[in-house]
Amino acid sequence: AFALLFLWIVRARIIRPVVDLTDITAALARGEPYEFQQRPAPLEIDMLAKQIASVSQYVEERKRVEVELREKLELELSKDAKEEVESQTFTTE
């Protein structure tokens, strides 16, 4: 009976949180965001979950910046193209 209780505690406190972190990191690798949620776990696993959340925030911020830069570049390119067309129109008249 003691062995079963010990195994159940190990499963609940160590194995389950590690499996959860595995699922979370797999989702993060697929590009899905992750927000830290406090769960009962050993301190080391809790700290690792917080670091994974930090990585997720960094990835999301980087994606946002990339989109913003791409939009600015497209706007500048469209302005340059428009100016080029206008300058060609004026020189041919």
Protein backbone atom coordinates (compact mmCIF):
# COMPACT_ATOMS: atom_id res chain seq x y z
CA ALA A 1 0.00 0.00 0.00
CA PHE A 2 2.85 2.37 0.84
CA ALA A 3 4.50 1.67 -2.53
CA LEU A 4 1.28 2.51 -4.37
CA LEU A 5 0.90 5.73 -2.45
CA PHE A 6 4.51 6.63 -3.16
CA LEU A 7 4.09 5.88 -6.90
CA TRP A 8 0.90 7.92 -7.04
CA ILE A 9 2.63 10.89 -5.38
CA VAL A 10 5.61 10.62 -7.74
CA ARG A 11 3.25 10.46 -10.71
CA ALA A 12 1.17 13.42 -9.54
CA ARG A 13 4.03 15.66 -8.39
CA ILE A 14 6.79 14.86 -10.88
CA ILE A 15 5.76 12.79 -13.87
CA ARG A 16 2.49 14.60 -14.67
CA PRO A 17 4.05 18.10 -14.63
CA VAL A 18 6.89 16.89 -16.87
CA VAL A 19 4.38 15.40 -19.31
CA ASP A 20 2.44 18.70 -19.23
CA LEU A 21 5.65 20.64 -19.99
CA THR A 22 6.35 18.26 -22.87
CA ASP A 23 2.92 19.03 -24.33
CA ILE A 24 3.43 22.75 -23.76
CA THR A 25 6.81 22.82 -25.49
CA ALA A 26 5.42 20.80 -28.41
CA ALA A 27 2.62 23.35 -28.79
CA LEU A 28 5.15 26.18 -28.55
CA ALA A 29 7.21 24.56 -31.31
CA ARG A 30 4.06 24.53 -33.48
CA GLY A 31 3.77 28.28 -32.92
CA GLU A 32 1.02 28.24 -30.33
CA PRO A 33 1.37 30.78 -27.51
CA TYR A 34 1.70 29.68 -23.89
CA GLU A 35 0.86 31.55 -20.73
CA PHE A 36 2.13 30.33 -17.39
CA GLN A 37 -0.51 28.84 -15.13
CA GLN A 38 0.34 28.03 -11.55
CA ARG A 39 0.01 24.30 -10.96
CA PRO A 40 1.14 22.13 -8.10
CA ALA A 41 4.65 21.01 -9.05
CA PRO A 42 8.16 20.87 -7.62
CA LEU A 43 10.01 24.18 -7.60
CA GLU A 44 12.33 23.20 -10.48
CA ILE A 45 9.44 22.28 -12.74
CA ASP A 46 7.62 25.47 -11.78
CA MET A 47 10.71 27.51 -12.66
CA LEU A 48 11.03 25.70 -15.99
CA ALA A 49 7.37 26.42 -16.78
CA LYS A 50 7.97 30.12 -16.09
CA GLN A 51 10.99 30.12 -18.42
CA ILE A 52 8.95 28.43 -21.14
CA ALA A 53 6.35 31.16 -20.71
CA SER A 54 9.12 33.76 -21.13
CA VAL A 55 10.27 32.09 -24.33
CA SER A 56 6.69 32.06 -25.58
CA GLN A 57 6.33 35.78 -24.87
CA TYR A 58 9.60 36.46 -26.69
CA VAL A 59 8.45 34.47 -29.73
CA GLU A 60 5.09 36.25 -29.80
CA GLU A 61 6.78 39.67 -29.53
CA ARG A 62 9.18 38.76 -32.31
CA LYS A 63 6.29 37.68 -34.54
CA ARG A 64 4.51 40.97 -33.83
CA VAL A 65 7.62 42.98 -34.69
CA GLU A 66 8.18 40.98 -37.88
CA VAL A 67 4.60 41.68 -39.01
CA GLU A 68 4.99 45.37 -38.21
CA LEU A 69 8.29 45.61 -40.10
CA ARG A 70 6.88 43.71 -43.06
CA GLU A 71 3.91 46.09 -43.21
CA LYS A 72 6.20 49.13 -43.07
CA LEU A 73 8.43 47.69 -45.79
CA GLU A 74 5.45 46.96 -48.03
CA LEU A 75 4.18 50.50 -47.48
CA GLU A 76 7.58 51.99 -48.35
CA LEU A 77 7.88 49.78 -51.44
CA SER A 78 4.42 50.77 -52.61
CA LYS A 79 5.28 54.47 -52.06
CA ASP A 80 8.53 54.04 -54.01
CA ALA A 81 6.72 52.27 -56.84
CA LYS A 82 4.06 54.98 -56.95
CA GLU A 83 6.72 57.73 -57.01
CA GLU A 84 8.56 55.88 -59.78
CA VAL A 85 5.41 55.65 -61.87
CA GLU A 86 4.67 59.33 -61.25
CA SER A 87 8.21 60.36 -62.19
CA GLN A 88 8.05 58.32 -65.38
CA THR A 89 4.69 59.90 -66.23
CA PHE A 90 6.10 63.41 -65.83
CA THR A 91 9.22 62.70 -67.88
CA THR A 92 7.28 61.28 -70.83
CA GLU A 93 4.96 64.28 -71.12
